[in-house]
Amino acid sequence: MMLLFFLLAPILSAQTADTIYYNAKIVTMWDQHPVVEAVAIRGDRFLAAGSKDSVMKTAGPSTRKIDLRGKTVLPGLIDSHVHPIMAALSEKDGPIPVMNSIAEIQAHMRKMAAQAAPGDVLFIPKVYSTRLKDRRYPTRHELDAAAPNHIALTDNGYASVLNSKALARIGITRDTPQPPNGKIIKDAAGEPTGLILGAPQLLSQIRRTKQPTAADLLWALESMHRKYNEVGLTSVIDRGESPEGFRAYETLRGRNKLTVRSYVTYLISAHGTPADVRHEIERIPFVTGFGDEWFRVGSLKTVADGGILIGTAYLREPYGEHTDIYGYKDPDYRGVLAVPKENLVEMARTSVRLGWQMTAHTTGGGAIDTLLDAYETVNRETPLSGRRFTVTHGNFPSGESIARAARMGIAFDCQPQWYYFDGPALAPVFGPERIKQFQPLRTMLAKGVVVAGGSDHMIRFDSRASINAYNPYWAMWMTITRKTADGSTLNPGEALTREQALRLWTLNGAYLSFEEKTKGSIEPGKLADMVVISEDYLTCPVDHIKDIEALLTVVGGKVVYSR
């Protein structure tokens, strides 16, 4: 009899749950059983999901049974576009205040100047004129007034405002010619206003922040992942890391300290000639898919154009007359195409040959079309279907570009925070017809394009005050209501259902990383990632969705956050 017990013990234990969560409304995203009342976990996987009675059959003498008292459970949420290391490092020396006006920028810069040593560079990251009450950038003279004795600048990656000392440091005067891939803005008298669009080669002459150490990168990842867990994020796609960033992920994975599953994008310049692009890719010692369910190498990425918030996104036609918000007047300006089509073609071709997934930052319609042209060139040689090449941002896709993406199996990762925060400022710039193309999410899904939801989180820890806000419930509410920050509604015909919105942050996010068979839904055999939330997502008043909070976050069967 004792022998029989020992023979059966492995079989019995394989069917026994470690933990059972019951008395809940569990929204599974599993087609067979969309809503269940209990779920069992064994190890890092879901063992069963269904009625309380059926799931309780997996219990053994040591199974933990947790009564959720009617709370709603969602699959672990996935943000398809974050920059966690950058975000955490931005506040390593202390919180960055939220600045909604030029006066608030000046006040913060004065405070920085008072605390700075002689020779220190004062740097305020991610300042967007579309998010300032003034609806314009500060001028060099306004920065001079706040910091007359220091080099000072604001920056958002694609547009910077420099004070007079900063301009002098890099030798910019009224006689400086316009740089390639950039624009020095000058006033009516021909003097630089301090605003520079693009031109990274000029701005690289000013070191804005201290170079982070390896220890800084580890701190940044651990710190930011804890914050992500607090809102129910269990997986992210890091949309652009350096070799040093990859080493930080690898180190934390080796120490078993990751609490967020990360699919990490490798960023390349793709500048120079097509041959230069090919060699840049061939030197990378790994390809998409290398790693495991905690840390996996993701896409290859380049930055193809500028930004829609700053007037450097590459458009199909000129911006037009209403560009005061961007700090320039040039009715013929279309923005910056930072990577030519032939380089994008070579990047795609080499990616196919070596086994890379590919994406590119493309915020304007012209950049989307150029990227799709490149994809189509390579698609005629080797079909891209199944490779899950992606358009990152893709804010203004036309009907034709949506159809092309669907034909080739091209996915999009989109950030609704942009139309929420910036829609009111951008509508007058683009006019009523062009603004209709601003993130037409419902149309894209209807035409068969896989769209994943994300934030483009870059600055600050706070999930709602960060740039950009990474609170997933707020973002889902944005896609469901199409509301903007001023209370208006932008393109209500593109609003999603609650189920569609949730799919953007679950299964579609998993699809982008080739992991929809292992995560993104609550079903037996999948990774045990889930979040218990404060409201019934499916039935609560719609405006309650934006205020939902995570109560408990589970990754791989382990509780990583509990309120």
Protein backbone atom coordinates (compact mmCIF):
# COMPACT_ATOMS: atom_id res chain seq x y z
CA MET A 1 0.00 0.00 0.00
CA MET A 2 2.83 2.38 0.93
CA LEU A 3 4.57 1.50 -2.34
CA LEU A 4 1.39 2.36 -4.27
CA PHE A 5 1.28 5.78 -2.56
CA PHE A 6 4.83 6.61 -3.59
CA LEU A 7 4.13 5.51 -7.16
CA LEU A 8 1.03 7.70 -7.33
CA ALA A 9 2.52 10.71 -5.52
CA PRO A 10 4.10 12.36 -8.59
CA ILE A 11 0.81 12.03 -10.50
CA LEU A 12 -1.23 13.45 -7.65
CA SER A 13 1.16 16.35 -7.06
CA ALA A 14 1.15 17.23 -10.75
CA GLN A 15 -2.59 17.80 -10.49
CA THR A 16 -2.51 19.67 -7.19
CA ALA A 17 -2.66 23.45 -7.06
CA ASP A 18 -0.29 25.55 -5.01
CA THR A 19 -2.83 28.38 -4.82
CA ILE A 20 -6.49 28.78 -5.68
CA TYR A 21 -8.16 32.18 -6.05
CA TYR A 22 -11.95 31.91 -5.88
CA ASN A 23 -15.17 33.86 -5.40
CA ALA A 24 -14.08 36.30 -8.11
CA LYS A 25 -15.13 37.63 -11.50
CA ILE A 26 -12.18 36.53 -13.59
CA VAL A 27 -12.08 38.06 -17.06
CA THR A 28 -9.89 35.52 -18.82
CA MET A 29 -9.60 36.69 -22.47
CA TRP A 30 -9.96 32.93 -23.13
CA ASP A 31 -12.54 32.37 -25.87
CA GLN A 32 -13.81 29.10 -24.42
CA HIS A 33 -14.58 30.59 -21.01
CA PRO A 34 -14.51 34.43 -21.11
CA VAL A 35 -15.50 34.85 -17.45
CA VAL A 36 -14.92 32.32 -14.65
CA GLU A 37 -15.12 32.42 -10.86
CA ALA A 38 -11.95 30.61 -9.80
CA VAL A 39 -8.43 29.91 -10.97
CA ALA A 40 -5.79 27.45 -9.78
CA ILE A 41 -2.04 27.99 -10.04
CA ARG A 42 0.73 25.42 -9.84
CA GLY A 43 4.29 26.65 -10.03
CA ASP A 44 4.40 29.51 -12.52
CA ARG A 45 1.41 28.34 -14.62
CA PHE A 46 -2.34 28.36 -14.48
CA LEU A 47 -3.53 24.84 -13.71
CA ALA A 48 -7.28 25.35 -14.06
CA ALA A 49 -9.87 28.07 -14.59
CA GLY A 50 -13.61 27.67 -14.23
CA SER A 51 -16.31 27.34 -11.63
CA LYS A 52 -15.37 27.28 -7.97
CA ASP A 53 -16.43 23.65 -7.65
CA SER A 54 -14.40 22.47 -10.63
CA VAL A 55 -11.27 24.39 -9.68
CA MET A 56 -11.43 23.28 -6.04
CA LYS A 57 -10.96 19.70 -7.27
CA THR A 58 -7.30 20.61 -7.88
CA ALA A 59 -6.76 21.46 -4.20
CA GLY A 60 -4.53 19.35 -2.00
CA PRO A 61 -3.80 19.45 1.71
CA SER A 62 -1.24 22.26 1.34
CA THR A 63 -3.07 24.37 -1.27
CA ARG A 64 -3.56 28.01 -0.29
CA LYS A 65 -7.15 29.12 -0.91
CA ILE A 66 -7.71 32.85 -1.29
CA ASP A 67 -11.23 34.29 -1.23
CA LEU A 68 -11.30 37.39 -3.45
CA ARG A 69 -14.74 38.41 -2.14
CA GLY A 70 -16.22 39.18 -5.53
CA LYS A 71 -13.33 41.25 -6.89
CA THR A 72 -12.57 41.38 -10.61
CA VAL A 73 -9.42 39.75 -11.99
CA LEU A 74 -7.78 40.53 -15.34
CA PRO A 75 -4.90 38.79 -17.13
CA GLY A 76 -1.56 40.38 -16.35
CA LEU A 77 -1.41 43.61 -18.34
CA ILE A 78 1.19 44.30 -21.02
CA ASP A 79 2.50 47.75 -21.99
CA SER A 80 3.88 47.49 -25.52
CA HIS A 81 6.07 50.59 -25.36
CA VAL A 82 8.10 51.74 -22.35
CA HIS A 83 11.56 53.08 -21.55
CA PRO A 84 11.97 52.01 -17.91
CA ILE A 85 15.66 52.75 -17.47
CA MET A 86 15.34 56.27 -18.89
CA ALA A 87 12.24 56.91 -16.78
CA ALA A 88 13.79 55.84 -13.49
CA LEU A 89 17.09 57.62 -14.09
CA SER A 90 15.21 60.86 -14.75
CA GLU A 91 14.29 60.97 -11.05
CA LYS A 92 17.35 59.32 -9.53
CA ASP A 93 18.39 62.62 -7.97
CA GLY A 94 14.87 63.53 -6.89
CA PRO A 95 11.38 64.10 -8.27
CA ILE A 96 10.84 66.24 -11.36
CA PRO A 97 7.87 68.54 -10.81
CA VAL A 98 5.03 68.59 -13.30
CA MET A 99 5.45 71.76 -15.36
CA ASN A 100 2.43 72.98 -17.30
CA SER A 101 3.65 76.46 -18.25
CA ILE A 102 6.76 78.41 -19.15
CA ALA A 103 6.59 80.15 -15.78
CA GLU A 104 6.75 76.76 -14.04
CA ILE A 105 9.71 75.75 -16.22
CA GLN A 106 11.50 78.95 -15.24
CA ALA A 107 10.74 78.40 -11.56
CA HIS A 108 12.18 74.89 -11.64
CA MET A 109 15.23 76.06 -13.58
CA ARG A 110 15.88 78.80 -11.01
CA LYS A 111 15.76 76.17 -8.28
CA MET A 112 18.18 73.97 -10.23
CA ALA A 113 20.53 76.92 -10.77
CA ALA A 114 20.55 77.75 -7.06
CA GLN A 115 21.66 74.20 -6.25
CA ALA A 116 24.08 73.72 -9.15
CA ALA A 117 27.83 74.06 -9.11
CA PRO A 118 29.57 76.38 -11.57
CA GLY A 119 29.85 74.65 -14.93
CA ASP A 120 26.91 72.31 -14.34
CA VAL A 121 24.49 71.91 -17.24
CA LEU A 122 20.85 72.49 -16.32
CA PHE A 123 18.59 70.14 -18.22
CA ILE A 124 14.80 69.70 -18.14
CA PRO A 125 13.70 66.67 -20.17
CA LYS A 126 10.59 66.08 -22.25
CA VAL A 127 9.10 69.56 -22.58
CA TYR A 128 6.32 69.65 -25.18
CA SER A 129 4.66 72.88 -26.30
CA THR A 130 1.41 70.95 -26.87
CA ARG A 131 1.25 70.33 -23.12
CA LEU A 132 2.03 73.87 -21.96
CA LYS A 133 -0.72 76.38 -21.21
CA ASP A 134 1.29 78.90 -23.27
CA ARG A 135 1.01 76.66 -26.36
CA ARG A 136 4.57 77.52 -27.30
CA TYR A 137 8.15 76.76 -26.30
CA PRO A 138 10.16 79.06 -24.04
CA THR A 139 12.72 81.27 -25.77
CA ARG A 140 16.44 81.48 -25.12
CA HIS A 141 15.82 84.77 -23.32
CA GLU A 142 13.26 83.21 -20.97
CA LEU A 143 15.79 80.51 -20.10
CA ASP A 144 18.47 83.21 -19.70
CA ALA A 145 16.24 84.98 -17.17
CA ALA A 146 15.96 81.78 -15.12
CA ALA A 147 19.59 80.64 -15.41
CA PRO A 148 21.87 83.46 -16.60
CA ASN A 149 25.08 81.85 -15.30
CA HIS A 150 24.67 78.27 -16.50
CA ILE A 151 24.29 76.37 -19.72
CA ALA A 152 20.59 75.50 -19.69
CA LEU A 153 18.22 73.72 -22.04
CA THR A 154 14.94 71.89 -22.32
CA ASP A 155 14.66 68.88 -24.54
CA ASN A 156 12.27 66.19 -25.71
CA GLY A 157 14.49 64.15 -27.98
CA TYR A 158 13.54 65.90 -31.21
CA ALA A 159 13.30 69.58 -30.26
CA SER A 160 15.44 71.50 -27.79
CA VAL A 161 15.47 75.05 -26.48
CA LEU A 162 18.91 76.36 -25.52
CA ASN A 163 19.75 79.47 -23.54
CA SER A 164 22.38 81.90 -24.80
CA LYS A 165 25.26 80.18 -22.99
CA ALA A 166 24.26 76.83 -24.50
CA LEU A 167 24.06 78.32 -28.00
CA ALA A 168 27.49 79.86 -27.53
CA ARG A 169 28.91 76.53 -26.32
CA ILE A 170 28.04 74.80 -29.58
CA GLY A 171 28.80 77.84 -31.74
CA ILE A 172 25.35 78.71 -33.04
CA THR A 173 24.93 82.27 -34.28
CA ARG A 174 22.76 84.07 -36.83
CA ASP A 175 25.26 82.98 -39.50
CA THR A 176 25.17 79.25 -38.72
CA PRO A 177 23.88 77.31 -41.75
CA GLN A 178 20.99 74.90 -41.35
CA PRO A 179 22.20 71.43 -40.32
CA PRO A 180 21.26 68.21 -42.10
CA ASN A 181 18.26 66.46 -40.56
CA GLY A 182 17.45 69.49 -38.47
CA LYS A 183 16.42 73.11 -38.29
CA ILE A 184 17.75 76.09 -36.32
CA ILE A 185 14.80 78.40 -35.73
CA LYS A 186 15.52 82.12 -36.16
CA ASP A 187 13.38 85.16 -35.45
CA ALA A 188 12.38 87.91 -37.90
CA ALA A 189 15.73 89.62 -37.34
CA GLY A 190 17.64 86.44 -38.15
CA GLU A 191 18.71 85.69 -34.57
CA PRO A 192 18.41 82.14 -33.17
CA THR A 193 15.41 81.86 -30.86
CA GLY A 194 17.06 79.01 -29.00
CA LEU A 195 14.82 76.35 -30.56
CA ILE A 196 16.55 73.60 -32.52
CA LEU A 197 14.57 70.86 -34.26
CA GLY A 198 16.35 67.56 -34.73
CA ALA A 199 20.10 68.03 -35.41
CA PRO A 200 21.35 65.47 -32.84
CA GLN A 201 24.93 65.95 -34.00
CA LEU A 202 24.84 69.57 -32.78
CA LEU A 203 23.20 68.82 -29.46
CA SER A 204 25.50 65.91 -28.68
CA GLN A 205 28.20 68.48 -27.90
CA ILE A 206 26.44 69.26 -24.61
CA ARG A 207 26.48 66.46 -22.06
CA ARG A 208 23.19 66.88 -20.28
CA THR A 209 23.35 64.17 -17.65
CA LYS A 210 25.99 62.08 -15.94
CA GLN A 211 26.73 58.77 -17.60
CA PRO A 212 24.94 56.14 -15.52
CA THR A 213 26.97 53.35 -13.97
CA ALA A 214 26.11 49.67 -14.24
CA ALA A 215 24.76 49.89 -10.69
CA ASP A 216 22.56 52.83 -11.72
CA LEU A 217 21.02 50.77 -14.53
CA LEU A 218 20.24 47.88 -12.19
CA TRP A 219 18.66 50.26 -9.67
CA ALA A 220 16.63 51.88 -12.45
CA LEU A 221 15.21 48.61 -13.74
CA GLU A 222 14.36 47.19 -10.33
CA SER A 223 12.80 50.46 -9.17
CA MET A 224 10.70 50.97 -12.28
CA HIS A 225 9.54 47.38 -12.43
CA ARG A 226 8.19 47.68 -8.89
CA LYS A 227 6.18 50.72 -9.99
CA TYR A 228 4.87 48.83 -13.02
CA ASN A 229 3.74 45.98 -10.75
CA GLU A 230 1.80 48.50 -8.65
CA VAL A 231 -0.58 49.16 -11.57
CA GLY A 232 -0.92 45.55 -12.66
CA LEU A 233 1.70 45.49 -15.41
CA THR A 234 3.29 42.05 -15.60
CA SER A 235 5.00 42.37 -19.00
CA VAL A 236 6.43 45.22 -21.04
CA ILE A 237 8.10 45.80 -24.36
CA ASP A 238 11.13 47.99 -23.75
CA ARG A 239 11.26 49.97 -27.00
CA GLY A 240 14.93 50.81 -27.28
CA GLU A 241 17.95 49.74 -25.28
CA SER A 242 21.70 50.04 -25.57
CA PRO A 243 24.14 47.15 -25.02
CA GLU A 244 24.54 48.41 -21.44
CA GLY A 245 20.79 48.21 -20.92
CA PHE A 246 20.75 44.65 -22.22
CA ARG A 247 23.49 43.73 -19.75
CA ALA A 248 21.38 45.17 -16.91
CA TYR A 249 18.46 42.95 -17.89
CA GLU A 250 20.75 39.94 -18.19
CA THR A 251 22.25 40.60 -14.75
CA LEU A 252 18.88 40.90 -13.02
CA ARG A 253 17.62 37.79 -14.80
CA GLY A 254 20.68 35.90 -13.57
CA ARG A 255 19.91 37.02 -10.02
CA ASN A 256 16.19 36.12 -10.37
CA LYS A 257 15.26 39.72 -9.55
CA LEU A 258 12.99 40.56 -12.49
CA THR A 259 9.34 41.06 -11.57
CA VAL A 260 8.20 42.23 -15.02
CA ARG A 261 8.60 40.08 -18.11
CA SER A 262 10.53 42.14 -20.65
CA TYR A 263 10.80 41.90 -24.42
CA VAL A 264 13.66 44.27 -25.14
CA THR A 265 14.14 46.19 -28.37
CA TYR A 266 17.65 46.81 -29.70
CA LEU A 267 18.11 50.34 -31.05
CA ILE A 268 20.32 51.06 -34.06
CA SER A 269 20.99 54.29 -35.95
CA ALA A 270 20.56 52.90 -39.51
CA HIS A 271 22.50 55.96 -40.72
CA GLY A 272 25.16 56.09 -43.42
CA THR A 273 24.86 53.88 -46.48
CA PRO A 274 22.79 50.71 -46.83
CA ALA A 275 26.03 48.77 -46.46
CA ASP A 276 26.67 50.58 -43.17
CA VAL A 277 23.22 49.53 -41.98
CA ARG A 278 23.87 45.92 -42.94
CA HIS A 279 27.18 45.85 -41.08
CA GLU A 280 25.65 47.57 -38.03
CA ILE A 281 23.11 44.75 -37.75
CA GLU A 282 25.56 41.94 -38.51
CA ARG A 283 27.76 42.99 -35.57
CA ILE A 284 24.98 42.38 -33.01
CA PRO A 285 25.70 39.04 -31.25
CA PHE A 286 22.07 37.88 -30.87
CA VAL A 287 18.70 38.01 -32.64
CA THR A 288 15.01 38.22 -31.81
CA GLY A 289 13.84 35.44 -29.49
CA PHE A 290 17.07 34.92 -27.58
CA GLY A 291 16.33 34.55 -23.86
CA ASP A 292 13.41 33.22 -21.85
CA GLU A 293 9.98 34.27 -20.60
CA TRP A 294 11.51 36.85 -18.22
CA PHE A 295 14.00 38.55 -20.53
CA ARG A 296 13.89 38.06 -24.25
CA VAL A 297 15.54 39.89 -27.14
CA GLY A 298 12.84 41.70 -29.10
CA SER A 299 12.80 43.79 -32.25
CA LEU A 300 15.45 45.72 -34.04
CA LYS A 301 14.44 49.39 -34.11
CA THR A 302 15.48 52.66 -35.69
CA VAL A 303 14.08 56.18 -35.44
CA ALA A 304 12.74 57.07 -38.88
CA ASP A 305 11.31 60.54 -38.21
CA GLY A 306 10.80 63.19 -35.54
CA GLY A 307 7.81 63.83 -33.31
CA ILE A 308 4.20 64.76 -33.95
CA LEU A 309 4.11 66.84 -30.76
CA ILE A 310 6.97 69.05 -31.87
CA GLY A 311 6.42 69.49 -35.57
CA THR A 312 9.23 67.26 -36.83
CA ALA A 313 7.21 64.15 -37.70
CA TYR A 314 7.51 63.43 -41.42
CA LEU A 315 4.12 64.13 -43.02
CA ARG A 316 2.58 63.27 -46.38
CA GLU A 317 2.09 66.96 -47.06
CA PRO A 318 3.41 70.16 -45.41
CA TYR A 319 2.28 71.13 -41.93
CA GLY A 320 0.77 74.33 -43.32
CA GLU A 321 0.10 77.72 -41.78
CA HIS A 322 -0.81 76.88 -38.18
CA THR A 323 2.57 75.95 -36.73
CA ASP A 324 3.05 78.72 -34.15
CA ILE A 325 2.77 76.10 -31.43
CA TYR A 326 5.94 74.49 -32.79
CA GLY A 327 7.92 77.72 -32.77
CA TYR A 328 8.40 78.15 -36.51
CA LYS A 329 6.66 79.50 -39.60
CA ASP A 330 7.31 77.48 -42.73
CA PRO A 331 4.21 76.45 -44.69
CA ASP A 332 6.25 74.09 -46.86
CA TYR A 333 7.90 72.15 -44.02
CA ARG A 334 7.06 68.41 -43.89
CA GLY A 335 9.26 67.38 -40.98
CA VAL A 336 12.34 65.19 -40.75
CA LEU A 337 12.86 61.82 -42.41
CA ALA A 338 15.88 60.72 -40.39
CA VAL A 339 16.43 57.39 -42.18
CA PRO A 340 16.04 57.22 -45.98
CA LYS A 341 13.93 54.55 -47.60
CA GLU A 342 16.92 52.67 -49.02
CA ASN A 343 18.33 52.23 -45.50
CA LEU A 344 14.98 51.02 -44.19
CA VAL A 345 14.87 48.51 -47.06
CA GLU A 346 18.33 47.22 -46.15
CA MET A 347 17.40 47.07 -42.47
CA ALA A 348 14.30 45.01 -43.29
CA ARG A 349 16.16 42.77 -45.74
CA THR A 350 18.98 42.05 -43.29
CA SER A 351 16.48 41.51 -40.47
CA VAL A 352 14.71 38.85 -42.54
CA ARG A 353 17.99 37.17 -43.44
CA LEU A 354 19.29 37.03 -39.86
CA GLY A 355 16.01 36.36 -38.06
CA TRP A 356 15.27 39.75 -36.52
CA GLN A 357 11.82 41.21 -36.01
CA MET A 358 11.86 44.88 -37.07
CA THR A 359 10.15 48.10 -36.15
CA ALA A 360 10.76 51.81 -36.60
CA HIS A 361 9.66 54.95 -34.79
CA THR A 362 7.29 56.56 -37.30
CA THR A 363 4.97 59.28 -36.03
CA GLY A 364 3.94 61.08 -39.21
CA GLY A 365 1.95 59.76 -42.16
CA GLY A 366 4.85 60.26 -44.56
CA ALA A 367 7.13 58.19 -42.33
CA ILE A 368 4.51 55.43 -42.05
CA ASP A 369 4.23 55.30 -45.84
CA THR A 370 8.02 55.24 -46.28
CA LEU A 371 8.39 52.40 -43.78
CA LEU A 372 5.60 50.42 -45.43
CA ASP A 373 7.24 51.04 -48.82
CA ALA A 374 10.43 49.49 -47.42
CA TYR A 375 8.54 46.56 -45.94
CA GLU A 376 6.71 46.04 -49.24
CA THR A 377 9.97 45.99 -51.19
CA VAL A 378 11.29 43.18 -49.00
CA ASN A 379 7.91 41.45 -48.85
CA ARG A 380 8.08 40.95 -52.62
CA GLU A 381 11.37 39.08 -52.10
CA THR A 382 10.45 37.16 -48.93
CA PRO A 383 6.92 37.31 -47.49
CA LEU A 384 6.83 39.12 -44.15
CA SER A 385 3.68 37.36 -42.96
CA GLY A 386 4.35 35.72 -39.60
CA ARG A 387 7.44 37.80 -38.87
CA ARG A 388 5.37 40.41 -37.03
CA PHE A 389 7.23 43.43 -38.32
CA THR A 390 5.77 46.48 -36.64
CA VAL A 391 5.06 50.19 -37.00
CA THR A 392 5.91 51.97 -33.75
CA HIS A 393 3.59 54.90 -32.95
CA GLY A 394 2.03 55.13 -36.42
CA ASN A 395 -0.15 58.06 -35.41
CA PHE A 396 -1.58 59.05 -38.80
CA PRO A 397 -2.18 55.97 -40.95
CA SER A 398 -4.28 56.50 -44.07
CA GLY A 399 -6.86 54.01 -45.25
CA GLU A 400 -4.39 52.80 -47.85
CA SER A 401 -1.58 52.33 -45.33
CA ILE A 402 -3.91 50.38 -43.02
CA ALA A 403 -4.83 48.08 -45.91
CA ARG A 404 -1.17 47.59 -46.84
CA ALA A 405 -0.25 46.76 -43.25
CA ALA A 406 -3.07 44.22 -43.05
CA ARG A 407 -1.99 42.53 -46.31
CA MET A 408 1.60 42.10 -45.09
CA GLY A 409 0.76 41.19 -41.49
CA ILE A 410 2.32 44.36 -40.09
CA ALA A 411 1.35 45.21 -36.50
CA PHE A 412 1.18 48.61 -34.77
CA ASP A 413 2.10 49.64 -31.25
CA CYS A 414 0.08 52.77 -30.40
CA GLN A 415 -0.15 55.17 -27.47
CA PRO A 416 -3.59 56.73 -26.85
CA GLN A 417 -2.05 59.11 -24.33
CA TRP A 418 -0.99 61.23 -27.30
CA TYR A 419 -4.48 61.98 -28.52
CA TYR A 420 -5.70 62.44 -24.93
CA PHE A 421 -3.02 64.94 -23.92
CA ASP A 422 -2.18 66.48 -27.28
CA GLY A 423 -5.30 66.17 -29.42
CA PRO A 424 -6.71 69.59 -28.42
CA ALA A 425 -3.47 71.32 -29.39
CA LEU A 426 -2.93 69.34 -32.60
CA ALA A 427 -6.45 69.67 -34.03
CA PRO A 428 -5.95 73.32 -35.14
CA VAL A 429 -2.58 72.42 -36.67
CA PHE A 430 -3.84 69.52 -38.79
CA GLY A 431 -7.36 70.67 -39.49
CA PRO A 432 -10.60 68.66 -39.39
CA GLU A 433 -9.76 66.21 -42.19
CA ARG A 434 -6.22 65.23 -41.26
CA ILE A 435 -7.02 64.94 -37.55
CA LYS A 436 -9.50 62.17 -38.43
CA GLN A 437 -6.49 59.97 -39.15
CA PHE A 438 -5.10 60.39 -35.62
CA GLN A 439 -4.96 56.84 -34.24
CA PRO A 440 -8.01 55.32 -35.96
CA LEU A 441 -7.88 52.29 -33.68
CA ARG A 442 -11.34 50.87 -34.39
CA THR A 443 -10.77 51.02 -38.15
CA MET A 444 -7.36 49.39 -37.84
CA LEU A 445 -8.76 46.48 -35.84
CA ALA A 446 -11.72 46.11 -38.21
CA LYS A 447 -9.33 45.88 -41.19
CA GLY A 448 -7.34 43.09 -39.52
CA VAL A 449 -4.33 45.00 -38.19
CA VAL A 450 -3.09 43.83 -34.79
CA VAL A 451 -2.75 46.89 -32.55
CA ALA A 452 -1.10 46.73 -29.12
CA GLY A 453 -1.54 49.37 -26.45
CA GLY A 454 1.29 51.14 -24.71
CA SER A 455 2.41 54.40 -23.19
CA ASP A 456 5.87 55.45 -24.42
CA HIS A 457 6.73 55.99 -20.75
CA MET A 458 10.00 57.95 -20.56
CA ILE A 459 10.05 60.27 -17.54
CA ARG A 460 9.02 60.08 -13.86
CA PHE A 461 7.90 57.24 -11.61
CA ASP A 462 4.29 58.30 -11.07
CA SER A 463 1.89 56.30 -13.26
CA ARG A 464 -0.37 59.30 -13.98
CA ALA A 465 2.02 62.27 -13.81
CA SER A 466 4.73 60.61 -15.88
CA ILE A 467 5.57 61.37 -19.49
CA ASN A 468 3.83 59.50 -20.80
CA ALA A 469 1.30 58.24 -18.25
CA TYR A 470 1.58 54.46 -18.09
CA ASN A 471 -1.52 53.75 -15.99
CA PRO A 472 -3.17 51.06 -18.16
CA TYR A 473 -6.74 51.59 -16.92
CA TRP A 474 -6.60 55.29 -17.75
CA ALA A 475 -5.24 54.41 -21.19
CA MET A 476 -7.97 51.83 -21.81
CA TRP A 477 -10.55 54.45 -20.81
CA MET A 478 -9.03 56.79 -23.39
CA THR A 479 -9.55 54.23 -26.15
CA ILE A 480 -13.12 53.50 -24.99
CA THR A 481 -14.25 57.15 -24.72
CA ARG A 482 -11.84 58.99 -27.08
CA LYS A 483 -11.93 61.81 -24.53
CA THR A 484 -9.13 64.38 -24.44
CA ALA A 485 -7.60 66.39 -21.63
CA ASP A 486 -9.87 69.40 -22.23
CA GLY A 487 -13.03 67.27 -22.02
CA SER A 488 -13.69 67.17 -25.76
CA THR A 489 -14.03 63.96 -27.79
CA LEU A 490 -11.66 63.23 -30.66
CA ASN A 491 -12.99 61.01 -33.46
CA PRO A 492 -15.66 59.20 -31.40
CA GLY A 493 -16.28 56.79 -34.26
CA GLU A 494 -12.88 55.25 -33.48
CA ALA A 495 -13.83 54.35 -29.89
CA LEU A 496 -13.26 50.74 -28.82
CA THR A 497 -15.41 48.40 -26.79
CA ARG A 498 -14.18 47.44 -23.33
CA GLU A 499 -13.22 43.99 -24.58
CA GLN A 500 -11.27 45.44 -27.52
CA ALA A 501 -9.44 47.85 -25.24
CA LEU A 502 -8.48 45.08 -22.82
CA ARG A 503 -7.20 42.98 -25.73
CA LEU A 504 -4.78 45.80 -26.64
CA TRP A 505 -3.14 45.45 -23.20
CA THR A 506 -3.24 41.64 -23.06
CA LEU A 507 -3.31 39.27 -26.02
CA ASN A 508 -2.26 41.85 -28.61
CA GLY A 509 0.71 42.88 -26.49
CA ALA A 510 1.65 39.21 -26.20
CA TYR A 511 1.27 38.83 -29.97
CA LEU A 512 3.90 41.49 -30.61
CA SER A 513 6.43 39.37 -28.70
CA PHE A 514 5.32 36.02 -30.24
CA GLU A 515 4.00 34.96 -26.82
CA GLU A 516 0.22 34.88 -27.20
CA LYS A 517 0.30 31.10 -26.62
CA THR A 518 2.02 31.50 -23.25
CA LYS A 519 0.56 34.72 -21.81
CA GLY A 520 -2.05 37.42 -22.38
CA SER A 521 -5.00 35.35 -21.12
CA ILE A 522 -5.95 33.25 -18.11
CA GLU A 523 -6.17 29.64 -19.26
CA PRO A 524 -4.62 26.32 -18.23
CA GLY A 525 -0.97 25.97 -19.17
CA LYS A 526 -0.28 29.68 -19.61
CA LEU A 527 2.00 31.73 -17.38
CA ALA A 528 0.22 32.62 -14.14
CA ASP A 529 0.18 36.40 -14.57
CA MET A 530 -2.90 38.28 -13.32
CA VAL A 531 -4.10 41.38 -11.51
CA VAL A 532 -6.93 41.83 -9.02
CA ILE A 533 -8.56 45.24 -9.50
CA SER A 534 -10.78 47.61 -7.56
CA GLU A 535 -13.78 47.78 -9.95
CA ASP A 536 -15.68 45.51 -12.30
CA TYR A 537 -14.01 46.53 -15.56
CA LEU A 538 -16.81 45.10 -17.73
CA THR A 539 -19.82 46.70 -16.01
CA CYS A 540 -18.74 49.70 -13.91
CA PRO A 541 -19.71 53.20 -15.13
CA VAL A 542 -17.36 53.99 -17.98
CA ASP A 543 -15.73 56.95 -16.24
CA HIS A 544 -14.81 54.69 -13.30
CA ILE A 545 -12.47 52.73 -15.55
CA LYS A 546 -9.86 55.49 -15.55
CA ASP A 547 -9.70 55.36 -11.73
CA ILE A 548 -9.32 51.59 -11.37
CA GLU A 549 -6.48 50.53 -9.09
CA ALA A 550 -4.54 47.29 -8.83
CA LEU A 551 -5.08 45.52 -5.51
CA LEU A 552 -2.89 42.46 -6.11
CA THR A 553 -0.44 41.65 -8.91
CA VAL A 554 0.73 38.10 -9.55
CA VAL A 555 3.57 37.19 -11.93
CA GLY A 556 4.45 33.57 -12.48
CA GLY A 557 2.27 32.55 -9.57
CA LYS A 558 4.07 34.84 -7.13
CA VAL A 559 2.58 37.96 -5.56
CA VAL A 560 4.78 40.89 -6.61
CA TYR A 561 2.46 43.64 -5.34
CA SER A 562 -0.29 43.76 -2.75
CA ARG A 563 -2.04 46.89 -1.57
